Amino acid sequence: MLVLIGSVAIGASDPVTRALAVILGVGLIVFGLVGMASGLHRREAGQSLPIAVLIVAGGLALVGLLLTVNGIGGYDQVKSTFKLLGVLMIVAGGALAVYGYVLRSRDATDPGE
C-alpha cells in the first residue's frame, strides 16, 4: 500500500517526495533489522539459520537504504526507485504465489498423512 500511495503522491512536489522516501526508507531499514534480529533470536539451539527470514528482512533493509539515499537525491531518483520497488514487489508476489501452490500440492500428495 505504501508503494501505491507513494507512486500517487510522488508527483505532488519535490519536498513531499523526499520526505516520503526518507520516512519509508527509514521504516523499512528498522523493519528489516528487527526482522533479522527476531529471526536469529527465536532460533532454537541446534536449528539451522532461518535463511528465508534473513533474506526477506535483509532485502527490506537494503530497499530501505536505497530509498533513504535516493530520497536525499531528489525527485528523479525517487521516481525510478519507486518503479523498481513496484516491479520487485510484483515479482516477489508472483514467486510467493507459486511457492504457496507448490507447498499446497506437496501437502495434498504427502503419503505421511
Protein backbone atom coordinates (compact mmCIF):
# COMPACT_ATOMS: atom_id res chain seq x y z
CA MET A 1 0.00 0.00 0.00
CA LEU A 2 2.82 2.41 0.80
CA VAL A 3 4.33 1.96 -2.64
CA LEU A 4 0.96 2.62 -4.26
CA ILE A 5 0.38 5.73 -2.15
CA GLY A 6 3.96 6.83 -2.83
CA SER A 7 3.54 6.49 -6.58
CA VAL A 8 0.44 8.71 -6.45
CA ALA A 9 1.99 11.30 -4.11
CA ILE A 10 5.36 11.31 -5.85
CA GLY A 11 4.30 13.97 -8.32
CA ALA A 12 2.97 16.35 -5.67
CA SER A 13 6.19 18.24 -5.03
CA ASP A 14 9.87 17.62 -4.51
CA PRO A 15 9.81 18.09 -0.69
CA VAL A 16 6.86 15.69 -0.34
CA THR A 17 8.65 13.13 -2.48
CA ARG A 18 11.85 13.41 -0.49
CA ALA A 19 10.05 13.20 2.85
CA LEU A 20 8.00 10.20 1.74
CA ALA A 21 11.08 8.35 0.50
CA VAL A 22 13.12 9.05 3.62
CA ILE A 23 10.29 8.12 6.01
CA LEU A 24 9.51 4.93 4.10
CA GLY A 25 13.21 4.12 3.77
CA VAL A 26 13.97 4.53 7.46
CA GLY A 27 10.89 2.48 8.34
CA LEU A 28 11.98 -0.35 6.03
CA ILE A 29 15.51 -0.29 7.45
CA VAL A 30 14.19 -0.59 11.00
CA PHE A 31 11.67 -3.27 9.99
CA GLY A 32 14.36 -5.28 8.20
CA LEU A 33 16.84 -5.07 11.06
CA VAL A 34 14.20 -6.05 13.62
CA GLY A 35 13.14 -8.95 11.38
CA MET A 36 16.72 -10.23 11.12
CA ALA A 37 17.25 -9.91 14.88
CA SER A 38 13.94 -11.64 15.58
CA GLY A 39 14.75 -14.49 13.20
CA LEU A 40 18.09 -15.07 14.87
CA HIS A 41 16.77 -14.63 18.41
CA ARG A 42 13.83 -17.04 18.05
CA ARG A 43 16.03 -19.80 16.69
CA GLU A 44 16.27 -22.80 18.99
CA ALA A 45 19.59 -24.41 19.82
CA GLY A 46 20.56 -26.87 17.11
CA GLN A 47 18.24 -25.37 14.48
CA SER A 48 19.64 -24.15 11.21
CA LEU A 49 19.63 -20.48 10.33
CA PRO A 50 16.26 -19.21 9.06
CA ILE A 51 17.62 -18.34 5.61
CA ALA A 52 14.29 -17.22 4.13
CA VAL A 53 13.64 -14.84 7.03
CA LEU A 54 17.13 -13.40 6.78
CA ILE A 55 16.87 -12.92 3.01
CA VAL A 56 13.49 -11.15 3.19
CA ALA A 57 14.48 -8.97 6.14
CA GLY A 58 17.84 -8.14 4.58
CA GLY A 59 16.14 -7.28 1.30
CA LEU A 60 13.76 -4.93 3.10
CA ALA A 61 16.66 -3.23 4.85
CA LEU A 62 18.51 -2.81 1.53
CA VAL A 63 15.43 -1.36 -0.17
CA GLY A 64 15.01 1.00 2.77
CA LEU A 65 18.62 2.10 2.47
CA LEU A 66 18.16 2.64 -1.28
CA LEU A 67 15.03 4.73 -0.70
CA THR A 68 16.69 6.79 2.02
CA VAL A 69 19.77 7.55 -0.07
CA ASN A 70 17.74 8.29 -3.21
CA GLY A 71 15.25 10.38 -1.23
CA ILE A 72 18.02 12.80 -0.46
CA GLY A 73 18.95 12.85 -4.16
CA GLY A 74 15.65 14.26 -5.38
CA TYR A 75 12.54 13.58 -7.42
CA ASP A 76 14.03 11.75 -10.42
CA GLN A 77 15.96 9.26 -8.32
CA VAL A 78 12.98 8.55 -6.07
CA LYS A 79 10.69 8.07 -9.06
CA SER A 80 12.96 5.42 -10.57
CA THR A 81 13.36 3.76 -7.16
CA PHE A 82 9.58 3.53 -6.71
CA LYS A 83 9.23 2.00 -10.16
CA LEU A 84 11.93 -0.56 -9.35
CA LEU A 85 10.32 -1.29 -5.99
CA GLY A 86 6.93 -1.80 -7.62
CA VAL A 87 8.34 -4.27 -10.15
CA LEU A 88 10.21 -6.14 -7.41
CA MET A 89 7.04 -6.36 -5.30
CA ILE A 90 5.07 -7.79 -8.23
CA VAL A 91 7.79 -10.37 -8.94
CA ALA A 92 8.05 -11.29 -5.25
CA GLY A 93 4.27 -11.67 -5.01
CA GLY A 94 4.23 -13.97 -8.03
CA ALA A 95 7.08 -16.03 -6.60
CA LEU A 96 5.27 -16.35 -3.26
CA ALA A 97 2.06 -17.43 -5.02
CA VAL A 98 3.96 -20.14 -6.91
CA TYR A 99 5.73 -21.23 -3.72
CA GLY A 100 2.37 -21.45 -1.90
CA TYR A 101 0.95 -23.57 -4.73
CA VAL A 102 3.95 -25.91 -4.56
CA LEU A 103 3.59 -26.29 -0.80
CA ARG A 104 -0.13 -26.95 -1.09
CA SER A 105 0.42 -29.53 -3.84
CA ARG A 106 3.09 -31.25 -1.78
CA ASP A 107 0.78 -31.44 1.26
CA ALA A 108 -2.06 -32.88 -0.86
CA THR A 109 0.15 -35.72 -2.12
CA ASP A 110 2.04 -36.34 1.15
CA PRO A 111 1.84 -40.09 1.89
CA GLY A 112 2.60 -39.46 5.57
CA GLU A 113 -0.97 -38.44 6.36
